Amino acid sequence: MTFRRPVPMIGDATSAAERAQAPDAWAMPDEIEPLGRVVSARRDIRRFRPDPVPDEVLEAVLLAGHRGPSVGHSQPWRFIVVTEQATRDAAAVMADRARLRQAAGMAEESARGLLDLRLEGIREAPLGVVVACDRRTPAAGVLGRATFPDTDLWSCAAAIENMWLTARANGLGMGWVTLFEPAELAELLGLPDGVETLGWLCLGWPDERPPEPGLERAGWSKRLPLEQVVMRERWTEAAPPVSHLRGPGQAEVVGARDGADDLLTVPGSLGVLDTVLDRIGALRLGHGPGTLVIAAADHPVTSYGISAFDPSVTADIVAATRAGTSMGAVAARGAGLVVDLVDAGVGDLQGRGDLVTSDALGAETYAAHLARGRQRGHAAAESGVVALGEIGIGNTTVAAALAAALLDLPATEVVGRGSSADAGMVERKVEVVERALARLRSSVQVAPGGDVHEVLRCLGGGEFAVLTGVVLGVAEAGGVVVLDGLATSVCALAAVRLEPAVAAHLVAGQRSRERAHALVLTELGLEPLLDLRIRAGEGVGAALAAGVIKDGLELRRSVARTDPT
């Protein structure tokens, strides 16, 4: 049975099917040519008539600025409209003074050209508009400014462009004067601390109608050909990144989202799970029950007293996994997953270092584990979702060391309690990680961009090499990887550093209580499906998440469909 599509009474009422059928239906063909003419005819006007500007025209110009795009919809602009003669006279003197000072620092010919320019618009134009940027809101509190703190200024510049084009369409001239000492102009206008000006806009009816830009006509410069300012993919001189994998293309990504648009539910009703299902839908999910790959290994680093449990517990959990009775095996069975247990060095410490005084793995051993994992990943991807788990007493210390190296963070920011460590044990873990990092950094570049293979070899154990290989293998096969805790997520981070396209194949099954786990997931750009404060390891969180994913896929298969028309 097909139902009518629920059409929202507010917002966008179109369906994915409509948008796919006519992707260009949002166009405004009648406005393209007029807009192009206005853009081409915009000029920086220097000479003005004294005739007043009607209030409705001024409001149209200001409204266009106020409709400009702003970072995080912060609307940081404030428009100060100046008509008082005294204020304009004072501003004109400031601009004249700044012009002379700037000319004094230029080559003679350029200085003469600057002094020849008419800057009487401040006095002549009937209106002055100062666009001020209110920057008093902390950048971290505005969506989009935390990483680019100057986007509020860019937003104000975009508002000015809107004003300029609207003024030109109405036959007004606008001139942008920035020959001011910002602090002087701010004081003249009584701006509070934290509010900055973007100069002075002269606004009025033009007493000139230049066919070309004034500075171009005056010989300052010529407009460059478009081909000289457009680059494809990256800066022309930069070498392309080396990558052997490709993530899903735009058609696959959009197609996955479109596939859920005709369900009898509101878009995004499953929250984070919908995002995960869209990601999976864009990939080549194998047919089968799915697999929980568990890699296990012992770690000599336990000799430093960094674990609350005897290393022999690793072998016990491995034996229970083989018997199908470990936490990981039971969780996998509950989620309908097949368990693939990989022995990456249980009971055999030959040739394995303790991180502090020697490398965790030799070069040949590391390469063998990585290749083995890659093969297992390729094979597992053919049978559906691939969840990851690990077994290894002491490996939270190893994972913390790897996280510190890959994220270039101090040990104190990444070391957690592991399964049951007390305060003294945590201090020992911090000391071990610090000593391991100091040894490594003396010979290997560990910050982003460094030698990831060497970091894994020197600081990781057998299960870390295997699981990194599994992630790479699954991604190469086009499959989906569901991560568990810190250890598996560190492996995924290493794989992404080796092959950036791997990131499109990852799902964060859960966020554990390990201190560094949230940091690693953030670096991967992943939001976890579950946040249950799990400490179990063994892939328990990944198996639980895989069960949720299977339920989500069943919802998408079985929920009633709607008529997109």
Protein backbone atom coordinates (compact mmCIF):
# COMPACT_ATOMS: atom_id res chain seq x y z
CA MET A 1 0.00 0.00 0.00
CA THR A 2 1.25 3.46 -0.91
CA PHE A 3 0.35 6.49 1.17
CA ARG A 4 0.27 10.18 0.45
CA ARG A 5 3.55 11.85 1.25
CA PRO A 6 3.35 13.98 4.41
CA VAL A 7 3.89 17.53 3.13
CA PRO A 8 5.16 20.02 5.71
CA MET A 9 3.01 23.10 6.10
CA ILE A 10 6.14 25.19 6.67
CA GLY A 11 9.54 25.15 5.02
CA ASP A 12 10.45 23.14 1.91
CA ALA A 13 7.48 21.18 0.55
CA THR A 14 9.35 19.52 -2.33
CA SER A 15 10.26 15.83 -2.41
CA ALA A 16 13.53 14.19 -3.38
CA ALA A 17 11.81 12.74 -6.43
CA GLU A 18 10.77 16.21 -7.58
CA ARG A 19 14.26 17.59 -7.05
CA ALA A 20 15.85 14.65 -8.85
CA GLN A 21 13.50 15.00 -11.80
CA ALA A 22 14.22 18.72 -12.23
CA PRO A 23 17.43 19.70 -10.38
CA ASP A 24 17.40 23.13 -12.06
CA ALA A 25 13.80 23.97 -11.16
CA TRP A 26 14.97 26.45 -8.51
CA ALA A 27 16.47 28.66 -11.20
CA MET A 28 15.18 32.20 -11.85
CA PRO A 29 15.83 32.45 -15.60
CA ASP A 30 14.17 35.85 -16.00
CA GLU A 31 16.56 37.36 -13.46
CA ILE A 32 19.87 36.01 -14.79
CA GLU A 33 20.51 38.63 -17.45
CA PRO A 34 19.39 41.62 -15.32
CA LEU A 35 21.52 40.42 -12.41
CA GLY A 36 24.52 40.05 -14.71
CA ARG A 37 24.04 43.60 -15.96
CA VAL A 38 23.89 44.98 -12.42
CA VAL A 39 26.99 43.06 -11.36
CA SER A 40 28.91 44.23 -14.43
CA ALA A 41 27.80 47.84 -13.96
CA ARG A 42 28.73 48.15 -10.28
CA ARG A 43 31.28 50.95 -9.80
CA ASP A 44 33.15 52.57 -6.93
CA ILE A 45 31.76 56.10 -7.25
CA ARG A 46 33.88 59.13 -6.23
CA ARG A 47 31.70 62.10 -7.21
CA PHE A 48 28.13 62.73 -6.02
CA ARG A 49 25.22 65.10 -6.50
CA PRO A 50 23.81 66.76 -3.34
CA ASP A 51 20.21 65.69 -4.03
CA PRO A 52 18.64 63.75 -1.17
CA VAL A 53 18.10 60.00 -1.32
CA PRO A 54 14.46 59.01 -0.73
CA ASP A 55 13.91 57.12 2.53
CA GLU A 56 12.41 54.11 0.74
CA VAL A 57 15.48 53.76 -1.48
CA LEU A 58 17.82 54.00 1.52
CA GLU A 59 15.75 51.36 3.29
CA ALA A 60 15.96 49.07 0.26
CA VAL A 61 19.76 49.36 0.28
CA LEU A 62 19.99 48.69 4.02
CA LEU A 63 17.54 45.80 3.80
CA ALA A 64 19.64 44.20 1.06
CA GLY A 65 22.64 44.35 3.38
CA HIS A 66 20.62 42.90 6.22
CA ARG A 67 19.59 40.02 3.98
CA GLY A 68 23.21 39.11 3.34
CA PRO A 69 24.64 35.73 4.33
CA SER A 70 26.14 35.62 7.81
CA VAL A 71 28.17 32.94 9.57
CA GLY A 72 25.94 30.98 11.92
CA HIS A 73 23.13 33.45 11.10
CA SER A 74 24.90 35.77 13.54
CA GLN A 75 24.00 38.98 11.65
CA PRO A 76 27.06 40.81 13.05
CA TRP A 77 26.55 43.94 10.95
CA ARG A 78 25.37 47.25 12.31
CA PHE A 79 24.60 50.08 9.85
CA ILE A 80 25.36 53.60 11.07
CA VAL A 81 23.70 56.14 8.77
CA VAL A 82 25.48 59.51 8.93
CA THR A 83 23.92 62.78 7.72
CA GLU A 84 25.37 65.34 10.17
CA GLN A 85 27.78 67.75 8.52
CA ALA A 86 30.14 67.89 11.51
CA THR A 87 30.61 64.13 11.54
CA ARG A 88 31.23 64.03 7.79
CA ASP A 89 33.73 66.89 8.00
CA ALA A 90 35.68 65.13 10.75
CA ALA A 91 35.67 61.86 8.80
CA ALA A 92 36.84 63.63 5.63
CA VAL A 93 39.82 65.09 7.48
CA MET A 94 40.72 61.65 8.81
CA ALA A 95 40.59 60.20 5.29
CA ASP A 96 42.71 63.05 3.85
CA ARG A 97 45.29 62.56 6.59
CA ALA A 98 45.46 58.82 6.04
CA ARG A 99 45.75 59.31 2.28
CA LEU A 100 48.78 61.57 2.70
CA ARG A 101 50.41 59.16 5.15
CA GLN A 102 49.89 56.22 2.82
CA ALA A 103 51.22 58.16 -0.16
CA ALA A 104 54.36 59.03 1.81
CA GLY A 105 55.19 55.35 2.10
CA MET A 106 54.70 54.54 -1.59
CA ALA A 107 56.93 54.78 -4.64
CA GLU A 108 56.80 58.23 -6.24
CA GLU A 109 54.69 57.27 -9.26
CA SER A 110 52.20 55.28 -7.17
CA ALA A 111 52.02 58.10 -4.63
CA ARG A 112 51.16 60.61 -7.35
CA GLY A 113 48.43 58.31 -8.60
CA LEU A 114 46.95 58.03 -5.12
CA LEU A 115 47.01 61.78 -4.58
CA ASP A 116 45.34 62.35 -7.94
CA LEU A 117 42.33 60.27 -6.91
CA ARG A 118 39.29 62.26 -5.82
CA LEU A 119 38.12 61.34 -2.34
CA GLU A 120 35.53 64.04 -1.84
CA GLY A 121 32.64 61.61 -1.60
CA ILE A 122 32.56 61.82 2.20
CA ARG A 123 31.77 65.55 1.92
CA GLU A 124 29.69 65.40 -1.28
CA ALA A 125 27.44 62.40 -0.81
CA PRO A 126 24.20 63.15 1.04
CA LEU A 127 24.58 59.97 3.07
CA GLY A 128 27.38 58.11 4.76
CA VAL A 129 26.86 54.53 5.88
CA VAL A 130 29.43 52.95 8.17
CA VAL A 131 29.13 49.16 8.36
CA ALA A 132 30.34 48.09 11.79
CA CYS A 133 30.95 44.48 12.83
CA ASP A 134 29.88 43.57 16.36
CA ARG A 135 32.53 41.03 17.36
CA ARG A 136 31.71 40.87 21.06
CA THR A 137 30.21 37.39 20.84
CA PRO A 138 33.07 34.88 21.37
CA ALA A 139 33.97 33.09 18.14
CA ALA A 140 33.51 29.67 19.76
CA GLY A 141 29.88 30.54 20.44
CA VAL A 142 28.99 31.15 16.79
CA LEU A 143 28.52 28.24 14.39
CA GLY A 144 31.36 28.40 11.85
CA ARG A 145 33.53 30.99 13.62
CA ALA A 146 35.47 28.70 15.94
CA THR A 147 37.68 27.56 13.07
CA PHE A 148 37.49 30.74 10.96
CA PRO A 149 37.19 33.54 13.54
CA ASP A 150 37.11 36.31 10.89
CA THR A 151 33.98 35.00 9.19
CA ASP A 152 31.97 37.71 10.96
CA LEU A 153 33.99 40.32 9.05
CA TRP A 154 33.51 38.36 5.84
CA SER A 155 29.76 38.35 6.52
CA CYS A 156 29.80 42.14 6.79
CA ALA A 157 31.72 42.37 3.52
CA ALA A 158 29.04 40.20 1.86
CA ALA A 159 26.39 42.56 3.24
CA ILE A 160 28.24 45.49 1.67
CA GLU A 161 28.22 43.77 -1.72
CA ASN A 162 24.44 43.28 -1.44
CA MET A 163 24.06 46.99 -0.63
CA TRP A 164 26.30 47.99 -3.51
CA LEU A 165 24.36 45.99 -6.09
CA THR A 166 21.01 47.24 -4.80
CA ALA A 167 22.24 50.82 -4.87
CA ARG A 168 23.41 50.38 -8.47
CA ALA A 169 20.09 48.84 -9.54
CA ASN A 170 18.33 51.89 -8.06
CA GLY A 171 20.65 54.28 -9.88
CA LEU A 172 22.56 55.27 -6.72
CA GLY A 173 26.30 55.49 -6.53
CA MET A 174 28.32 53.97 -3.70
CA GLY A 175 31.96 54.51 -2.86
CA TRP A 176 33.82 52.43 -0.28
CA VAL A 177 36.47 54.49 1.59
CA THR A 178 38.91 52.61 3.81
CA LEU A 179 41.54 55.34 4.15
CA PHE A 180 41.01 55.62 7.91
CA GLU A 181 42.79 54.68 11.06
CA PRO A 182 40.17 52.25 12.39
CA ALA A 183 40.51 53.43 15.99
CA GLU A 184 39.96 57.08 14.97
CA LEU A 185 36.81 56.29 13.01
CA ALA A 186 35.52 54.09 15.84
CA GLU A 187 36.05 56.92 18.33
CA LEU A 188 34.32 59.44 16.06
CA LEU A 189 31.23 57.23 15.90
CA GLY A 190 31.29 56.18 19.56
CA LEU A 191 31.73 52.47 18.86
CA PRO A 192 32.08 50.28 21.97
CA ASP A 193 35.07 47.97 22.45
CA GLY A 194 34.71 44.84 20.37
CA VAL A 195 32.92 46.58 17.48
CA GLU A 196 35.01 47.23 14.36
CA THR A 197 34.32 49.30 11.26
CA LEU A 198 34.78 48.21 7.68
CA GLY A 199 35.28 51.75 6.46
CA TRP A 200 32.85 54.39 5.20
CA LEU A 201 30.32 53.96 2.40
CA CYS A 202 29.45 57.12 0.47
CA LEU A 203 25.89 56.84 -0.81
CA GLY A 204 24.03 59.19 -3.15
CA TRP A 205 23.16 60.06 -6.73
CA PRO A 206 26.36 59.84 -8.82
CA ASP A 207 27.88 62.86 -10.52
CA GLU A 208 29.76 60.51 -12.84
CA ARG A 209 28.76 57.48 -14.85
CA PRO A 210 31.98 55.58 -15.50
CA PRO A 211 31.81 52.85 -18.15
CA GLU A 212 34.73 50.98 -16.52
CA PRO A 213 36.07 50.70 -12.97
CA GLY A 214 37.81 53.93 -11.98
CA LEU A 215 41.16 52.47 -10.93
CA GLU A 216 41.31 50.38 -14.09
CA ARG A 217 40.59 53.47 -16.17
CA ALA A 218 43.25 55.39 -14.24
CA GLY A 219 45.87 52.76 -15.06
CA TRP A 220 46.32 51.25 -11.60
CA SER A 221 45.67 47.73 -12.86
CA LYS A 222 43.63 45.70 -15.29
CA ARG A 223 41.11 42.97 -14.54
CA LEU A 224 42.81 39.61 -14.89
CA PRO A 225 41.38 37.04 -17.29
CA LEU A 226 39.16 34.52 -15.50
CA GLU A 227 41.47 31.63 -16.36
CA GLN A 228 44.28 33.27 -14.38
CA VAL A 229 42.32 33.26 -11.13
CA VAL A 230 40.54 29.89 -11.38
CA MET A 231 42.36 26.73 -10.28
CA ARG A 232 41.08 23.18 -10.40
CA GLU A 233 41.19 20.92 -7.36
CA ARG A 234 44.15 22.63 -5.63
CA TRP A 235 46.70 25.43 -5.93
CA THR A 236 48.33 25.10 -9.30
CA GLU A 237 51.83 24.42 -8.01
CA ALA A 238 50.76 21.92 -5.34
CA ALA A 239 51.28 18.22 -5.89
CA PRO A 240 48.10 16.12 -5.78
CA PRO A 241 47.66 13.89 -2.72
CA VAL A 242 48.55 10.24 -3.13
CA SER A 243 45.46 8.09 -2.70
CA HIS A 244 44.63 4.60 -3.85
CA LEU A 245 41.03 4.55 -2.65
CA ARG A 246 37.98 6.53 -3.61
CA GLY A 247 34.99 7.16 -1.41
CA PRO A 248 31.44 6.93 -2.77
CA GLY A 249 30.61 9.47 -5.47
CA GLN A 250 28.06 12.26 -5.29
CA ALA A 251 25.41 10.18 -7.06
CA GLU A 252 25.71 7.37 -4.50
CA VAL A 253 25.67 9.75 -1.51
CA VAL A 254 22.62 11.68 -2.74
CA GLY A 255 20.92 8.52 -3.95
CA ALA A 256 21.15 6.96 -0.49
CA ARG A 257 19.47 9.99 1.05
CA ASP A 258 16.83 10.10 -1.69
CA GLY A 259 16.00 6.46 -1.01
CA ALA A 260 14.67 7.33 2.44
CA ASP A 261 12.72 10.40 1.36
CA ASP A 262 9.56 8.49 0.43
CA LEU A 263 9.23 6.65 3.76
CA LEU A 264 6.11 7.37 5.79
CA THR A 265 8.05 9.37 8.36
CA VAL A 266 9.59 12.78 8.70
CA PRO A 267 13.12 13.28 7.29
CA GLY A 268 15.82 12.51 9.83
CA SER A 269 13.39 10.88 12.25
CA LEU A 270 16.01 8.36 13.39
CA GLY A 271 18.60 11.03 14.27
CA VAL A 272 22.20 9.81 14.20
CA LEU A 273 21.05 6.42 12.95
CA ASP A 274 19.61 8.04 9.80
CA THR A 275 23.02 9.58 9.10
CA VAL A 276 24.64 6.17 9.51
CA LEU A 277 22.07 4.48 7.27
CA ASP A 278 22.61 7.12 4.58
CA ARG A 279 26.35 6.44 4.77
CA ILE A 280 25.84 2.71 4.49
CA GLY A 281 23.40 3.17 1.62
CA ALA A 282 26.07 4.95 -0.40
CA LEU A 283 28.46 1.99 -0.02
CA ARG A 284 28.49 -1.55 -1.35
CA LEU A 285 27.17 -3.53 1.60
CA GLY A 286 27.83 -7.24 1.15
CA HIS A 287 25.08 -9.84 1.44
CA GLY A 288 25.22 -11.89 4.61
CA PRO A 289 24.90 -11.73 8.38
CA GLY A 290 27.94 -9.54 8.94
CA THR A 291 31.13 -10.25 10.87
CA LEU A 292 32.71 -9.30 14.19
CA VAL A 293 36.47 -9.45 13.64
CA ILE A 294 38.24 -9.78 17.01
CA ALA A 295 42.03 -9.54 17.10
CA ALA A 296 43.89 -10.62 20.23
CA ALA A 297 47.46 -10.17 21.46
CA ASP A 298 49.57 -9.99 24.60
CA HIS A 299 51.64 -6.91 25.50
CA PRO A 300 55.01 -6.82 27.29
CA VAL A 301 54.15 -3.31 28.51
CA THR A 302 52.09 -4.96 31.27
CA SER A 303 55.38 -5.53 33.14
CA TYR A 304 55.24 -1.84 34.15
CA GLY A 305 52.19 -2.38 36.35
CA ILE A 306 49.72 -0.61 34.09
CA SER A 307 46.87 -3.13 34.28
CA ALA A 308 44.67 -4.32 37.11
CA PHE A 309 44.55 -7.83 35.62
CA ASP A 310 47.13 -10.52 34.99
CA PRO A 311 48.15 -10.88 31.33
CA SER A 312 46.89 -14.49 31.39
CA VAL A 313 43.32 -13.14 31.28
CA THR A 314 43.86 -12.45 27.57
CA ALA A 315 44.21 -16.17 26.84
CA ASP A 316 41.14 -16.95 28.96
CA ILE A 317 38.96 -14.49 27.01
CA VAL A 318 40.32 -15.85 23.73
CA ALA A 319 39.37 -19.38 24.80
CA ALA A 320 35.87 -18.20 25.79
CA THR A 321 35.54 -16.46 22.43
CA ARG A 322 36.37 -19.68 20.63
CA ALA A 323 33.73 -21.41 22.75
CA GLY A 324 31.20 -18.70 21.93
CA THR A 325 30.79 -17.62 25.55
CA SER A 326 32.85 -14.43 25.86
CA MET A 327 31.16 -11.04 26.11
CA GLY A 328 32.11 -10.26 22.53
CA ALA A 329 30.99 -13.62 21.13
CA VAL A 330 27.63 -13.50 22.90
CA ALA A 331 27.02 -9.89 21.80
CA ALA A 332 27.89 -10.87 18.24
CA ARG A 333 25.48 -13.78 18.32
CA GLY A 334 22.74 -11.49 19.61
CA ALA A 335 23.35 -9.17 16.67
CA GLY A 336 23.45 -12.05 14.19
CA LEU A 337 27.17 -11.60 13.45
CA VAL A 338 29.70 -14.29 12.67
CA VAL A 339 32.84 -14.10 14.84
CA ASP A 340 36.24 -14.11 13.14
CA LEU A 341 38.92 -14.44 15.83
CA VAL A 342 42.47 -13.48 14.81
CA ASP A 343 45.35 -14.55 17.05
CA ALA A 344 47.84 -11.70 16.65
CA GLY A 345 50.27 -12.82 19.34
CA VAL A 346 48.63 -14.46 22.37
CA GLY A 347 51.09 -16.31 24.61
CA ASP A 348 54.03 -15.48 22.38
CA LEU A 349 56.08 -12.40 23.28
CA GLN A 350 59.06 -13.39 21.15
CA GLY A 351 60.28 -10.34 19.23
CA ARG A 352 57.78 -7.99 20.87
CA GLY A 353 58.93 -4.86 22.66
CA ASP A 354 57.55 -3.04 25.70
CA LEU A 355 57.21 0.40 23.98
CA VAL A 356 59.40 2.06 26.62
CA THR A 357 62.73 0.48 25.72
CA SER A 358 62.01 -1.21 22.38
CA ASP A 359 59.59 -1.25 19.47
CA ALA A 360 56.33 -3.13 19.86
CA LEU A 361 56.81 -5.06 16.62
CA GLY A 362 59.59 -5.80 14.19
CA ALA A 363 59.21 -4.64 10.61
CA GLU A 364 58.46 -8.10 9.17
CA THR A 365 56.00 -9.00 11.91
CA TYR A 366 54.18 -5.70 11.52
CA ALA A 367 53.93 -6.06 7.74
CA ALA A 368 52.65 -9.63 8.07
CA HIS A 369 49.93 -8.63 10.57
CA LEU A 370 48.85 -5.68 8.40
CA ALA A 371 48.60 -7.85 5.29
CA ARG A 372 46.75 -10.56 7.19
CA GLY A 373 44.23 -8.04 8.44
CA ARG A 374 43.79 -6.61 4.97
CA GLN A 375 42.93 -10.05 3.59
CA ARG A 376 40.46 -10.73 6.41
CA GLY A 377 38.86 -7.33 5.82
CA HIS A 378 38.40 -7.99 2.10
CA ALA A 379 36.78 -11.35 2.80
CA ALA A 380 34.56 -10.10 5.64
CA ALA A 381 33.22 -7.19 3.58
CA GLU A 382 31.56 -9.65 1.21
CA SER A 383 29.29 -10.82 4.04
CA GLY A 384 27.86 -7.53 5.26
CA VAL A 385 28.76 -5.11 8.02
CA VAL A 386 32.19 -5.63 9.60
CA ALA A 387 32.37 -4.83 13.31
CA LEU A 388 35.72 -4.64 15.10
CA GLY A 389 36.81 -5.86 18.51
CA GLU A 390 40.03 -6.58 20.36
CA ILE A 391 41.34 -8.60 23.29
CA GLY A 392 44.56 -7.75 25.06
CA ILE A 393 45.33 -6.94 28.70
CA GLY A 394 47.24 -3.65 28.75
CA ASN A 395 46.13 -2.49 25.34
CA THR A 396 44.37 0.65 26.60
CA THR A 397 47.86 1.92 27.44
CA VAL A 398 49.01 0.99 23.95
CA ALA A 399 45.95 2.68 22.43
CA ALA A 400 46.60 5.82 24.49
CA ALA A 401 50.20 5.95 23.26
CA LEU A 402 49.04 5.63 19.65
CA ALA A 403 46.37 8.29 20.15
CA ALA A 404 48.92 10.67 21.66
CA ALA A 405 51.28 10.12 18.75
CA LEU A 406 48.68 10.40 15.99
CA LEU A 407 46.97 13.43 17.55
CA ASP A 408 50.21 15.03 18.79
CA LEU A 409 48.89 15.30 22.34
CA PRO A 410 50.60 14.87 25.72
CA ALA A 411 50.07 11.65 27.66
CA THR A 412 48.02 13.39 30.34
CA GLU A 413 45.29 14.20 27.79
CA VAL A 414 44.86 10.68 26.45
CA VAL A 415 45.46 8.20 29.27
CA GLY A 416 42.32 6.78 30.89
CA ARG A 417 41.51 4.22 33.56
CA GLY A 418 41.18 1.24 31.27
CA SER A 419 39.17 -1.61 32.80
CA SER A 420 39.70 -0.98 36.53
CA ALA A 421 42.86 1.08 37.13
CA ASP A 422 43.24 3.10 40.33
CA ALA A 423 44.90 6.52 40.63
CA GLY A 424 48.40 5.10 41.11
CA MET A 425 48.05 2.86 38.10
CA VAL A 426 46.88 5.77 35.96
CA GLU A 427 50.02 7.68 36.98
CA ARG A 428 52.16 4.73 35.89
CA LYS A 429 50.28 4.58 32.57
CA VAL A 430 50.97 8.26 31.99
CA GLU A 431 54.66 7.76 32.73
CA VAL A 432 54.86 4.75 30.39
CA VAL A 433 53.17 6.64 27.55
CA GLU A 434 55.43 9.67 28.09
CA ARG A 435 58.56 7.51 27.96
CA ALA A 436 57.32 5.63 24.90
CA LEU A 437 56.56 8.89 23.08
CA ALA A 438 59.93 10.38 24.00
CA ARG A 439 61.71 7.33 22.60
CA LEU A 440 59.65 7.37 19.44
CA ARG A 441 59.90 11.11 18.78
CA SER A 442 63.66 10.94 18.82
CA SER A 443 63.56 9.09 15.49
CA VAL A 444 60.06 9.27 13.96
CA GLN A 445 57.83 12.17 12.97
CA VAL A 446 54.62 11.41 14.86
CA ALA A 447 52.46 14.49 14.26
CA PRO A 448 49.83 14.44 11.50
CA GLY A 449 51.68 13.94 8.25
CA GLY A 450 54.29 11.69 9.86
CA ASP A 451 55.13 8.05 9.18
CA VAL A 452 51.98 6.23 10.30
CA HIS A 453 53.40 2.78 9.65
CA GLU A 454 56.35 3.48 11.93
CA VAL A 455 54.09 4.84 14.65
CA LEU A 456 51.97 1.67 14.50
CA ARG A 457 54.99 -0.59 14.41
CA CYS A 458 56.81 1.10 17.28
CA LEU A 459 53.87 1.73 19.62
CA GLY A 460 51.13 -0.72 18.60
CA GLY A 461 50.75 -4.41 19.16
CA GLY A 462 49.72 -7.29 16.94
CA GLU A 463 45.98 -6.60 17.21
CA PHE A 464 46.47 -2.95 16.24
CA ALA A 465 48.35 -3.90 13.07
CA VAL A 466 45.75 -6.54 12.19
CA LEU A 467 42.76 -4.28 12.77
CA THR A 468 44.31 -1.41 10.81
CA GLY A 469 44.69 -3.88 7.95
CA VAL A 470 41.07 -5.00 8.38
CA VAL A 471 39.85 -1.41 8.09
CA LEU A 472 41.89 -0.88 4.93
CA GLY A 473 40.70 -4.17 3.45
CA VAL A 474 37.02 -3.48 4.11
CA ALA A 475 37.32 0.00 2.62
CA GLU A 476 39.08 -1.34 -0.46
CA ALA A 477 36.19 -3.78 -0.91
CA GLY A 478 33.67 -0.95 -0.57
CA GLY A 479 32.25 -2.20 2.73
CA VAL A 480 31.27 -0.76 6.11
CA VAL A 481 33.33 -0.84 9.32
CA VAL A 482 31.64 -0.47 12.71
CA LEU A 483 34.12 0.66 15.36
CA ASP A 484 34.07 -0.30 19.01
CA GLY A 485 36.19 1.48 21.63
CA LEU A 486 39.42 3.45 21.69
CA ALA A 487 41.66 0.65 20.39
CA THR A 488 39.63 -0.01 17.25
CA SER A 489 39.10 3.72 16.66
CA VAL A 490 42.84 4.37 16.82
CA CYS A 491 43.29 1.70 14.16
CA ALA A 492 40.70 3.46 12.03
CA LEU A 493 42.49 6.79 12.51
CA ALA A 494 45.76 5.23 11.38
CA ALA A 495 44.00 3.79 8.31
CA VAL A 496 42.52 7.20 7.45
CA ARG A 497 45.93 8.82 7.75
CA LEU A 498 47.20 6.24 5.28
CA GLU A 499 44.16 6.47 2.96
CA PRO A 500 41.84 9.46 3.58
CA ALA A 501 38.97 7.88 1.60
CA VAL A 502 38.68 5.22 4.32
CA ALA A 503 36.75 7.75 6.44
CA ALA A 504 33.64 7.35 4.27
CA HIS A 505 33.48 3.66 5.26
CA LEU A 506 33.50 4.15 9.04
CA VAL A 507 30.70 4.10 11.60
CA ALA A 508 31.34 4.89 15.27
CA GLY A 509 29.44 2.15 17.07
CA GLN A 510 29.90 3.68 20.50
CA ARG A 511 31.85 6.12 22.64
CA SER A 512 33.57 4.43 25.56
CA ARG A 513 34.75 5.92 28.86
CA GLU A 514 38.36 6.01 27.72
CA ARG A 515 39.56 9.59 27.82
CA ALA A 516 41.06 9.67 24.34
CA HIS A 517 38.14 7.99 22.60
CA ALA A 518 36.08 11.13 22.10
CA LEU A 519 39.17 12.94 20.80
CA VAL A 520 39.84 10.23 18.23
CA LEU A 521 36.21 10.13 17.08
CA THR A 522 36.23 13.90 16.70
CA GLU A 523 39.39 13.66 14.58
CA LEU A 524 37.59 11.10 12.41
CA GLY A 525 34.52 13.35 12.19
CA LEU A 526 32.28 10.61 13.61
CA GLU A 527 29.32 10.84 15.96
CA PRO A 528 28.75 7.64 17.97
CA LEU A 529 25.55 5.63 17.75
CA LEU A 530 25.73 4.53 21.40
CA ASP A 531 27.03 6.25 24.52
CA LEU A 532 26.64 3.66 27.27
CA ARG A 533 29.99 4.14 29.08
CA ILE A 534 31.03 0.63 28.00
CA ARG A 535 34.40 -0.68 29.21
CA ALA A 536 34.11 -4.25 27.98
CA GLY A 537 36.22 -4.25 24.82
CA GLU A 538 35.99 -7.42 22.72
CA GLY A 539 33.76 -5.62 20.19
CA VAL A 540 30.75 -5.60 22.54
CA GLY A 541 29.84 -1.98 21.72
CA ALA A 542 30.38 -2.56 17.99
CA ALA A 543 28.16 -5.67 18.06
CA LEU A 544 25.39 -3.83 19.90
CA ALA A 545 25.65 -0.99 17.38
CA ALA A 546 25.59 -3.47 14.49
CA GLY A 547 22.30 -4.78 15.86
CA VAL A 548 20.89 -1.25 15.89
CA ILE A 549 22.12 -0.75 12.32
CA LYS A 550 20.42 -3.95 11.20
CA ASP A 551 17.20 -2.78 12.81
CA GLY A 552 17.56 0.57 11.04
CA LEU A 553 18.07 -1.13 7.69
CA GLU A 554 14.97 -3.24 8.32
CA LEU A 555 13.00 -0.08 9.08
CA ARG A 556 14.03 1.39 5.75
CA ARG A 557 13.10 -1.81 3.94
CA SER A 558 9.73 -2.35 5.61
CA VAL A 559 8.23 1.01 6.54
CA ALA A 560 5.37 2.10 4.30
CA ARG A 561 6.21 4.10 1.22
CA THR A 562 4.58 7.28 0.02
CA ASP A 563 3.72 8.65 -3.39
CA PRO A 564 6.44 11.28 -4.03
CA THR A 565 4.09 13.21 -6.29
